[in-house]
Amino acid sequence: MRRTDRTTPAEPPLQARIERTQLRLQVAALERALETSERRRQTVIDRYEHLLAEREAAASESPTSENRAESSLKRLLGLSH
């Protein structure tokens, strides 16, 4: 008797499937962490731009307002004590 050739590929071994699944899960977790990091970074950028806009507006109003905007920026960046 002759064996017929199979046209479907053999299923990979269990260990290879487990490793592939683990890698997919790690990639998904890293992608979520990257998205979270990007959102946080964008939030900081938005806050900084908002503070700069406030500072420019305050500078056009009065010199003492500029000092308040500067201290707001320092608070945001954690530079004030």
N, C-alpha and C. Protein backbone atom coordinates (compact mmCIF):
# COMPACT_ATOMS: atom_id res chain seq x y z
N MET A 1 0.82 -1.18 0.00
CA MET A 1 0.00 0.00 0.00
C MET A 1 0.86 1.24 0.00
N ARG A 2 0.38 2.17 -0.73
CA ARG A 2 1.13 3.41 -0.85
C ARG A 2 0.44 4.51 -0.05
N ARG A 3 1.23 5.30 0.65
CA ARG A 3 0.71 6.42 1.41
C ARG A 3 0.44 7.61 0.50
N THR A 4 -0.68 8.26 0.70
CA THR A 4 -0.97 9.43 -0.12
C THR A 4 -0.37 10.67 0.53
N ASP A 5 0.12 11.56 -0.30
CA ASP A 5 0.69 12.82 0.21
C ASP A 5 -0.44 13.71 0.70
N ARG A 6 -0.18 14.30 1.82
CA ARG A 6 -1.18 15.23 2.37
C ARG A 6 -0.91 16.63 1.83
N THR A 7 -1.95 17.33 1.51
CA THR A 7 -1.78 18.69 1.00
C THR A 7 -1.83 19.72 2.12
N THR A 8 -2.29 19.34 3.29
CA THR A 8 -2.34 20.29 4.41
C THR A 8 -1.06 20.14 5.23
N PRO A 9 -0.48 21.26 5.63
CA PRO A 9 0.74 21.17 6.43
C PRO A 9 0.45 20.58 7.81
N ALA A 10 1.44 19.95 8.37
CA ALA A 10 1.29 19.37 9.70
C ALA A 10 1.19 20.50 10.72
N GLU A 11 0.42 20.26 11.76
CA GLU A 11 0.26 21.25 12.82
C GLU A 11 1.58 21.37 13.59
N PRO A 12 2.00 22.61 13.91
CA PRO A 12 3.25 22.76 14.65
C PRO A 12 3.14 22.10 16.02
N PRO A 13 4.27 21.73 16.57
CA PRO A 13 4.25 21.10 17.90
C PRO A 13 3.64 22.02 18.95
N LEU A 14 3.13 21.44 19.99
CA LEU A 14 2.46 22.18 21.06
C LEU A 14 3.37 23.28 21.62
N GLN A 15 4.61 22.98 21.88
CA GLN A 15 5.53 23.97 22.46
C GLN A 15 5.67 25.19 21.55
N ALA A 16 5.74 24.98 20.26
CA ALA A 16 5.85 26.09 19.31
C ALA A 16 4.58 26.94 19.33
N ARG A 17 3.43 26.29 19.42
CA ARG A 17 2.17 27.04 19.48
C ARG A 17 2.08 27.85 20.77
N ILE A 18 2.52 27.27 21.87
CA ILE A 18 2.51 27.97 23.16
C ILE A 18 3.43 29.19 23.08
N GLU A 19 4.63 29.03 22.56
CA GLU A 19 5.58 30.15 22.46
C GLU A 19 5.02 31.25 21.56
N ARG A 20 4.42 30.87 20.46
CA ARG A 20 3.84 31.85 19.54
C ARG A 20 2.72 32.63 20.23
N THR A 21 1.89 31.93 20.99
CA THR A 21 0.81 32.59 21.72
C THR A 21 1.38 33.54 22.76
N GLN A 22 2.41 33.12 23.48
CA GLN A 22 3.05 33.99 24.48
C GLN A 22 3.62 35.24 23.81
N LEU A 23 4.25 35.07 22.67
CA LEU A 23 4.81 36.22 21.96
C LEU A 23 3.71 37.18 21.50
N ARG A 24 2.61 36.64 21.02
CA ARG A 24 1.49 37.50 20.61
C ARG A 24 0.96 38.30 21.80
N LEU A 25 0.86 37.64 22.95
CA LEU A 25 0.37 38.32 24.15
C LEU A 25 1.35 39.42 24.59
N GLN A 26 2.64 39.13 24.51
CA GLN A 26 3.65 40.13 24.87
C GLN A 26 3.59 41.33 23.93
N VAL A 27 3.45 41.08 22.65
CA VAL A 27 3.35 42.15 21.67
C VAL A 27 2.11 43.01 21.96
N ALA A 28 0.99 42.37 22.25
CA ALA A 28 -0.24 43.11 22.55
C ALA A 28 -0.05 43.97 23.80
N ALA A 29 0.59 43.41 24.82
CA ALA A 29 0.83 44.17 26.05
C ALA A 29 1.76 45.36 25.79
N LEU A 30 2.78 45.15 24.99
CA LEU A 30 3.70 46.24 24.66
C LEU A 30 3.01 47.32 23.84
N GLU A 31 2.14 46.92 22.94
CA GLU A 31 1.39 47.90 22.14
C GLU A 31 0.48 48.74 23.03
N ARG A 32 -0.18 48.10 24.01
CA ARG A 32 -1.03 48.85 24.95
C ARG A 32 -0.19 49.81 25.78
N ALA A 33 0.96 49.35 26.25
CA ALA A 33 1.84 50.22 27.05
C ALA A 33 2.32 51.40 26.22
N LEU A 34 2.64 51.18 24.97
CA LEU A 34 3.08 52.26 24.09
C LEU A 34 1.96 53.28 23.88
N GLU A 35 0.74 52.79 23.65
CA GLU A 35 -0.40 53.69 23.46
C GLU A 35 -0.62 54.54 24.71
N THR A 36 -0.53 53.92 25.88
CA THR A 36 -0.70 54.65 27.14
C THR A 36 0.39 55.70 27.30
N SER A 37 1.62 55.33 26.99
CA SER A 37 2.73 56.26 27.09
C SER A 37 2.55 57.43 26.14
N GLU A 38 2.11 57.15 24.93
CA GLU A 38 1.89 58.22 23.94
C GLU A 38 0.78 59.16 24.39
N ARG A 39 -0.29 58.61 24.97
CA ARG A 39 -1.38 59.47 25.48
C ARG A 39 -0.88 60.36 26.60
N ARG A 40 -0.09 59.80 27.51
CA ARG A 40 0.47 60.61 28.61
C ARG A 40 1.38 61.69 28.08
N ARG A 41 2.22 61.34 27.12
CA ARG A 41 3.14 62.32 26.53
C ARG A 41 2.36 63.44 25.87
N GLN A 42 1.32 63.08 25.14
CA GLN A 42 0.51 64.10 24.47
C GLN A 42 -0.19 64.99 25.49
N THR A 43 -0.62 64.42 26.61
CA THR A 43 -1.25 65.22 27.66
C THR A 43 -0.27 66.24 28.21
N VAL A 44 0.96 65.83 28.45
CA VAL A 44 1.98 66.76 28.94
C VAL A 44 2.24 67.86 27.91
N ILE A 45 2.33 67.50 26.66
CA ILE A 45 2.55 68.49 25.60
C ILE A 45 1.38 69.48 25.55
N ASP A 46 0.16 68.96 25.62
CA ASP A 46 -1.01 69.83 25.59
C ASP A 46 -1.01 70.80 26.77
N ARG A 47 -0.69 70.29 27.96
CA ARG A 47 -0.63 71.16 29.15
C ARG A 47 0.44 72.22 28.99
N TYR A 48 1.59 71.82 28.48
CA TYR A 48 2.69 72.76 28.29
C TYR A 48 2.29 73.85 27.29
N GLU A 49 1.68 73.45 26.18
CA GLU A 49 1.24 74.44 25.19
C GLU A 49 0.20 75.38 25.77
N HIS A 50 -0.70 74.83 26.59
CA HIS A 50 -1.72 75.65 27.24
C HIS A 50 -1.06 76.67 28.18
N LEU A 51 -0.09 76.21 28.95
CA LEU A 51 0.62 77.12 29.85
C LEU A 51 1.38 78.19 29.08
N LEU A 52 1.99 77.81 27.97
CA LEU A 52 2.68 78.81 27.16
C LEU A 52 1.71 79.85 26.62
N ALA A 53 0.54 79.40 26.20
CA ALA A 53 -0.47 80.33 25.69
C ALA A 53 -0.93 81.27 26.81
N GLU A 54 -1.14 80.72 28.01
CA GLU A 54 -1.50 81.55 29.16
C GLU A 54 -0.41 82.56 29.46
N ARG A 55 0.80 82.10 29.39
CA ARG A 55 1.95 82.96 29.69
C ARG A 55 2.03 84.12 28.69
N GLU A 56 1.84 83.80 27.42
CA GLU A 56 1.87 84.85 26.39
C GLU A 56 0.74 85.84 26.60
N ALA A 57 -0.46 85.33 26.93
CA ALA A 57 -1.60 86.22 27.17
C ALA A 57 -1.35 87.08 28.40
N ALA A 58 -0.80 86.47 29.45
CA ALA A 58 -0.53 87.21 30.68
C ALA A 58 0.57 88.24 30.47
N ALA A 59 1.54 87.92 29.67
CA ALA A 59 2.65 88.84 29.41
C ALA A 59 2.14 90.09 28.69
N SER A 60 1.15 89.92 27.87
CA SER A 60 0.62 91.08 27.16
C SER A 60 -0.25 91.93 28.07
N GLU A 61 -0.76 91.33 29.16
CA GLU A 61 -1.60 92.08 30.10
C GLU A 61 -0.78 92.85 31.11
N SER A 62 0.11 92.15 31.82
CA SER A 62 0.91 92.83 32.84
C SER A 62 2.15 92.00 33.17
N PRO A 63 3.22 92.68 33.59
CA PRO A 63 4.45 91.96 33.94
C PRO A 63 4.27 91.01 35.13
N THR A 64 3.42 91.32 36.09
CA THR A 64 3.25 90.44 37.25
C THR A 64 2.52 89.16 36.87
N SER A 65 1.68 89.21 35.86
CA SER A 65 1.00 88.00 35.40
C SER A 65 1.99 87.01 34.81
N GLU A 66 3.07 87.52 34.23
CA GLU A 66 4.09 86.65 33.66
C GLU A 66 4.71 85.79 34.76
N ASN A 67 4.94 86.36 35.91
CA ASN A 67 5.51 85.61 37.03
C ASN A 67 4.57 84.49 37.46
N ARG A 68 3.27 84.74 37.46
CA ARG A 68 2.31 83.69 37.84
C ARG A 68 2.31 82.56 36.81
N ALA A 69 2.37 82.88 35.55
CA ALA A 69 2.41 81.85 34.50
C ALA A 69 3.69 81.03 34.62
N GLU A 70 4.78 81.70 34.93
CA GLU A 70 6.06 81.00 35.09
C GLU A 70 5.99 80.04 36.27
N SER A 71 5.38 80.46 37.38
CA SER A 71 5.30 79.56 38.53
C SER A 71 4.34 78.40 38.23
N SER A 72 3.31 78.63 37.41
CA SER A 72 2.42 77.53 36.99
C SER A 72 3.21 76.50 36.18
N LEU A 73 4.05 76.99 35.30
CA LEU A 73 4.87 76.09 34.49
C LEU A 73 5.83 75.31 35.38
N LYS A 74 6.41 75.98 36.34
CA LYS A 74 7.34 75.28 37.25
C LYS A 74 6.58 74.21 38.05
N ARG A 75 5.37 74.51 38.48
CA ARG A 75 4.57 73.51 39.23
C ARG A 75 4.29 72.30 38.34
N LEU A 76 3.92 72.55 37.10
CA LEU A 76 3.64 71.45 36.16
C LEU A 76 4.86 70.57 35.99
N LEU A 77 6.01 71.17 35.87
CA LEU A 77 7.23 70.41 35.64
C LEU A 77 7.86 69.89 36.93
N GLY A 78 7.24 70.21 38.07
CA GLY A 78 7.75 69.72 39.35
C GLY A 78 9.01 70.42 39.80
N LEU A 79 9.17 71.68 39.39
CA LEU A 79 10.37 72.42 39.74
C LEU A 79 10.18 73.29 40.97
N SER A 80 8.94 73.49 41.42
CA SER A 80 8.72 74.34 42.59
C SER A 80 8.77 73.49 43.85
N HIS A 81 9.09 74.11 44.94
CA HIS A 81 9.18 73.38 46.21
C HIS A 81 8.06 73.74 47.13
